[in-house]
C-alpha atoms as a PDB file:
ATOM      1  CA  UNK A   1      56.154 -25.375 -23.800  1.00  0.00           C
ATOM      2  CA  UNK A   2      52.647 -26.487 -24.615  1.00  0.00           C
ATOM      3  CA  UNK A   3      50.462 -24.335 -27.081  1.00  0.00           C
ATOM      4  CA  UNK A   4      48.443 -21.749 -25.236  1.00  0.00           C
ATOM      5  CA  UNK A   5      45.240 -23.154 -26.653  1.00  0.00           C
ATOM      6  CA  UNK A   6      45.279 -26.380 -25.056  1.00  0.00           C
ATOM      7  CA  UNK A   7      43.061 -27.319 -21.967  1.00  0.00           C
ATOM      8  CA  UNK A   8      44.249 -29.536 -19.217  1.00  0.00           C
ATOM      9  CA  UNK A   9      41.746 -31.498 -17.474  1.00  0.00           C
ATOM     10  CA  UNK A  10      38.205 -30.735 -17.212  1.00  0.00           C
ATOM     11  CA  UNK A  11      38.335 -27.213 -16.046  1.00  0.00           C
ATOM     12  CA  UNK A  12      35.194 -25.497 -15.071  1.00  0.00           C
ATOM     13  CA  UNK A  13      34.349 -21.745 -16.536  1.00  0.00           C
ATOM     14  CA  UNK A  14      33.916 -19.002 -14.248  1.00  0.00           C
ATOM     15  CA  UNK A  15      30.600 -17.916 -13.405  1.00  0.00           C
ATOM     16  CA  UNK A  16      27.497 -19.733 -12.344  1.00  0.00           C
ATOM     17  CA  UNK A  17      25.476 -22.500 -13.784  1.00  0.00           C
ATOM     18  CA  UNK A  18      21.650 -22.164 -14.617  1.00  0.00           C
ATOM     19  CA  UNK A  19      20.780 -24.523 -11.843  1.00  0.00           C
ATOM     20  CA  UNK A  20      22.950 -22.719  -9.393  1.00  0.00           C
ATOM     21  CA  UNK A  21      20.959 -19.580 -10.369  1.00  0.00           C
ATOM     22  CA  UNK A  22      17.767 -21.078 -10.165  1.00  0.00           C
ATOM     23  CA  UNK A  23      18.229 -22.445  -6.582  1.00  0.00           C
ATOM     24  CA  UNK A  24      19.021 -18.937  -5.424  1.00  0.00           C
ATOM     25  CA  UNK A  25      16.070 -17.503  -6.970  1.00  0.00           C
ATOM     26  CA  UNK A  26      14.008 -20.459  -5.346  1.00  0.00           C
ATOM     27  CA  UNK A  27      15.485 -19.396  -1.834  1.00  0.00           C
ATOM     28  CA  UNK A  28      14.823 -15.696  -2.181  1.00  0.00           C
ATOM     29  CA  UNK A  29      11.278 -16.310  -3.110  1.00  0.00           C
ATOM     30  CA  UNK A  30      10.596 -18.476  -0.044  1.00  0.00           C
ATOM     31  CA  UNK A  31      12.103 -15.915   2.295  1.00  0.00           C
ATOM     32  CA  UNK A  32      10.178 -13.215   0.160  1.00  0.00           C
ATOM     33  CA  UNK A  33       6.865 -15.288   0.803  1.00  0.00           C
ATOM     34  CA  UNK A  34       7.721 -15.645   4.508  1.00  0.00           C
ATOM     35  CA  UNK A  35       8.897 -11.887   5.058  1.00  0.00           C
ATOM     36  CA  UNK A  36       6.472 -10.005   3.156  1.00  0.00           C
ATOM     37  CA  UNK A  37       3.132 -10.733   5.053  1.00  0.00           C
ATOM     38  CA  UNK A  38       5.031 -10.291   8.419  1.00  0.00           C
ATOM     39  CA  UNK A  39       6.385  -7.002   7.162  1.00  0.00           C
ATOM     40  CA  UNK A  40       2.898  -5.728   6.260  1.00  0.00           C
ATOM     41  CA  UNK A  41       1.267  -6.781   9.482  1.00  0.00           C
ATOM     42  CA  UNK A  42       4.137  -4.826  11.324  1.00  0.00           C
ATOM     43  CA  UNK A  43       3.575  -1.793   9.434  1.00  0.00           C
ATOM     44  CA  UNK A  44      -0.613  -2.231  10.354  1.00  0.00           C
ATOM     45  CA  UNK A  45       0.367  -2.344  13.921  1.00  0.00           C
ATOM     46  CA  UNK A  46       2.580   0.677  13.804  1.00  0.00           C
ATOM     47  CA  UNK A  47      -0.217   2.888  11.803  1.00  0.00           C
ATOM     48  CA  UNK A  48      -2.886   1.860  14.265  1.00  0.00           C
ATOM     49  CA  UNK A  49      -0.633   2.528  17.459  1.00  0.00           C
ATOM     50  CA  UNK A  50      -0.087   6.013  15.782  1.00  0.00           C
ATOM     51  CA  UNK A  51      -4.021   6.353  15.063  1.00  0.00           C
ATOM     52  CA  UNK A  52      -4.573   5.353  18.425  1.00  0.00           C
ATOM     53  CA  UNK A  53      -2.164   8.152  19.581  1.00  0.00           C
ATOM     54  CA  UNK A  54      -4.386  10.617  17.698  1.00  0.00           C
ATOM     55  CA  UNK A  55      -7.612   9.296  19.077  1.00  0.00           C
ATOM     56  CA  UNK A  56      -6.474   9.527  22.645  1.00  0.00           C
ATOM     57  CA  UNK A  57      -5.288  13.148  22.053  1.00  0.00           C
ATOM     58  CA  UNK A  58      -8.747  14.037  20.712  1.00  0.00           C
ATOM     59  CA  UNK A  59     -10.537  12.192  23.514  1.00  0.00           C
ATOM     60  CA  UNK A  60      -8.093  14.531  25.924  1.00  0.00           C
ATOM     61  CA  UNK A  61      -9.211  17.671  23.727  1.00  0.00           C
ATOM     62  CA  UNK A  62     -12.860  16.619  24.357  1.00  0.00           C
ATOM     63  CA  UNK A  63     -12.440  16.602  28.285  1.00  0.00           C
ATOM     64  CA  UNK A  64     -10.441  19.658  28.310  1.00  0.00           C
ATOM     65  CA  UNK A  65     -13.211  20.996  26.070  1.00  0.00           C
ATOM     66  CA  UNK A  66     -15.770  19.969  28.455  1.00  0.00           C
ATOM     67  CA  UNK A  67     -14.303  21.737  31.478  1.00  0.00           C
ATOM     68  CA  UNK A  68     -13.718  24.711  29.836  1.00  0.00           C
ATOM     69  CA  UNK A  69     -17.310  25.003  27.660  1.00  0.00           C
ATOM     70  CA  UNK A  70     -19.356  22.591  29.845  1.00  0.00           C
ATOM     71  CA  UNK A  71     -20.121  20.853  26.747  1.00  0.00           C
ATOM     72  CA  UNK A  72     -18.466  18.377  24.283  1.00  0.00           C
ATOM     73  CA  UNK A  73     -17.137  19.601  21.224  1.00  0.00           C
ATOM     74  CA  UNK A  74     -19.025  18.572  17.882  1.00  0.00           C
ATOM     75  CA  UNK A  75     -16.332  18.975  15.420  1.00  0.00           C
ATOM     76  CA  UNK A  76     -12.434  18.412  15.072  1.00  0.00           C
ATOM     77  CA  UNK A  77     -12.057  22.212  14.444  1.00  0.00           C
ATOM     78  CA  UNK A  78     -13.712  23.295  17.588  1.00  0.00           C
ATOM     79  CA  UNK A  79     -11.328  21.312  19.356  1.00  0.00           C
ATOM     80  CA  UNK A  80      -8.453  22.873  17.691  1.00  0.00           C
ATOM     81  CA  UNK A  81      -7.423  19.804  15.694  1.00  0.00           C
ATOM     82  CA  UNK A  82      -7.020  21.357  12.357  1.00  0.00           C
ATOM     83  CA  UNK A  83      -5.464  18.484  10.299  1.00  0.00           C
ATOM     84  CA  UNK A  84      -4.826  14.829  10.544  1.00  0.00           C
ATOM     85  CA  UNK A  85      -0.954  13.838  10.873  1.00  0.00           C
ATOM     86  CA  UNK A  86       0.689  13.414   7.560  1.00  0.00           C
ATOM     87  CA  UNK A  87       1.838   9.974   8.166  1.00  0.00           C
ATOM     88  CA  UNK A  88      -1.755   8.863   8.648  1.00  0.00           C
ATOM     89  CA  UNK A  89      -3.368  11.098   5.969  1.00  0.00           C
ATOM     90  CA  UNK A  90      -3.689   8.379   3.440  1.00  0.00           C
ATOM     91  CA  UNK A  91      -4.615   5.677   6.078  1.00  0.00           C
ATOM     92  CA  UNK A  92      -7.166   7.119   8.363  1.00  0.00           C
ATOM     93  CA  UNK A  93      -9.759   9.649   8.513  1.00  0.00           C
ATOM     94  CA  UNK A  94     -10.588  11.098  12.055  1.00  0.00           C
ATOM     95  CA  UNK A  95     -13.938  12.594  13.336  1.00  0.00           C
ATOM     96  CA  UNK A  96     -15.420  13.856  16.451  1.00  0.00           C
ATOM     97  CA  UNK A  97     -19.098  13.640  17.529  1.00  0.00           C
ATOM     98  CA  UNK A  98     -20.996  14.739  20.379  1.00  0.00           C
ATOM     99  CA  UNK A  99     -24.461  14.815  21.659  1.00  0.00           C
ATOM    100  CA  UNK A 100     -24.721  17.385  24.470  1.00  0.00           C
ATOM    101  CA  UNK A 101     -28.564  17.391  24.382  1.00  0.00           C
ATOM    102  CA  UNK A 102     -28.438  14.316  26.882  1.00  0.00           C
ATOM    103  CA  UNK A 103     -27.474  14.469  30.634  1.00  0.00           C
ATOM    104  CA  UNK A 104     -24.576  13.579  30.975  1.00  0.00           C
ATOM    105  CA  UNK A 105     -23.324  14.655  27.431  1.00  0.00           C
ATOM    106  CA  UNK A 106     -21.574  12.022  25.596  1.00  0.00           C
ATOM    107  CA  UNK A 107     -18.953  11.980  22.686  1.00  0.00           C
ATOM    108  CA  UNK A 108     -16.993   9.637  20.509  1.00  0.00           C
ATOM    109  CA  UNK A 109     -13.975  10.137  18.369  1.00  0.00           C
ATOM    110  CA  UNK A 110     -13.190   7.817  15.413  1.00  0.00           C
ATOM    111  CA  UNK A 111     -10.494   6.915  13.335  1.00  0.00           C
ATOM    112  CA  UNK A 112     -11.808   5.026  10.255  1.00  0.00           C
ATOM    113  CA  UNK A 113      -9.778   3.197   7.882  1.00  0.00           C
ATOM    114  CA  UNK A 114      -9.665   4.777   4.641  1.00  0.00           C
ATOM    115  CA  UNK A 115     -10.327   2.712   1.266  1.00  0.00           C
ATOM    116  CA  UNK A 116      -6.543   3.250  -0.061  1.00  0.00           C
ATOM    117  CA  UNK A 117      -3.299   2.703   1.561  1.00  0.00           C
ATOM    118  CA  UNK A 118      -2.078  -0.252   3.980  1.00  0.00           C
ATOM    119  CA  UNK A 119      -4.991   0.106   6.376  1.00  0.00           C
ATOM    120  CA  UNK A 120      -7.652  -0.719   3.400  1.00  0.00           C
ATOM    121  CA  UNK A 121     -10.122  -3.016   4.837  1.00  0.00           C
ATOM    122  CA  UNK A 122      -9.248  -2.333   8.550  1.00  0.00           C
ATOM    123  CA  UNK A 123     -11.851  -1.675  11.184  1.00  0.00           C
ATOM    124  CA  UNK A 124     -12.577   1.674  12.531  1.00  0.00           C
ATOM    125  CA  UNK A 125     -11.531   2.246  15.929  1.00  0.00           C
ATOM    126  CA  UNK A 126     -13.177   4.312  18.495  1.00  0.00           C
ATOM    127  CA  UNK A 127     -13.082   5.804  21.900  1.00  0.00           C
ATOM    128  CA  UNK A 128     -15.959   7.670  23.866  1.00  0.00           C
ATOM    129  CA  UNK A 129     -16.700   9.606  27.169  1.00  0.00           C
ATOM    130  CA  UNK A 130     -16.198   6.750  29.403  1.00  0.00           C
ATOM    131  CA  UNK A 131     -12.954   5.502  27.837  1.00  0.00           C
ATOM    132  CA  UNK A 132     -14.395   2.562  26.154  1.00  0.00           C
ATOM    133  CA  UNK A 133     -12.126   1.641  23.372  1.00  0.00           C
ATOM    134  CA  UNK A 134     -13.506  -0.450  20.373  1.00  0.00           C
ATOM    135  CA  UNK A 135     -12.323  -2.884  18.759  1.00  0.00           C
ATOM    136  CA  UNK A 136     -11.004  -4.315  22.083  1.00  0.00           C
ATOM    137  CA  UNK A 137      -8.619  -6.405  19.990  1.00  0.00           C
ATOM    138  CA  UNK A 138      -6.758  -3.301  18.507  1.00  0.00           C
ATOM    139  CA  UNK A 139      -6.449  -1.589  21.858  1.00  0.00           C
ATOM    140  CA  UNK A 140      -4.594  -4.518  24.000  1.00  0.00           C
ATOM    141  CA  UNK A 141      -1.118  -4.256  24.371  1.00  0.00           C
END
């Protein structure tokens, strides 16, 4: 019987070599560099869609307010819109403005991207009494 300390052949030790670990790290880095920007854009599109929903709600409230009071509301509070949705609170500020001194009266509701959060640097979105939605690229389906 041979002694226990003798090695037979050129056996490889258990585990990974440094080159194998480095190749795995490079592959993960390449996948992350492709996936992360795509994910960020996906999140932005989702937040824009949620903001558009809020703007459509505010525009509908303006139209209902016009039918009830024969003028548009000049603030969100007047439209019974007391707080922004929590999921958009860090990304958008919503406002409602009206000009009731002209005939016919006009309004605009705006979602302004804040300087912090995912939407930093994004354009503001607006909808007015005629249903004009700006910027057009954000409202396309």
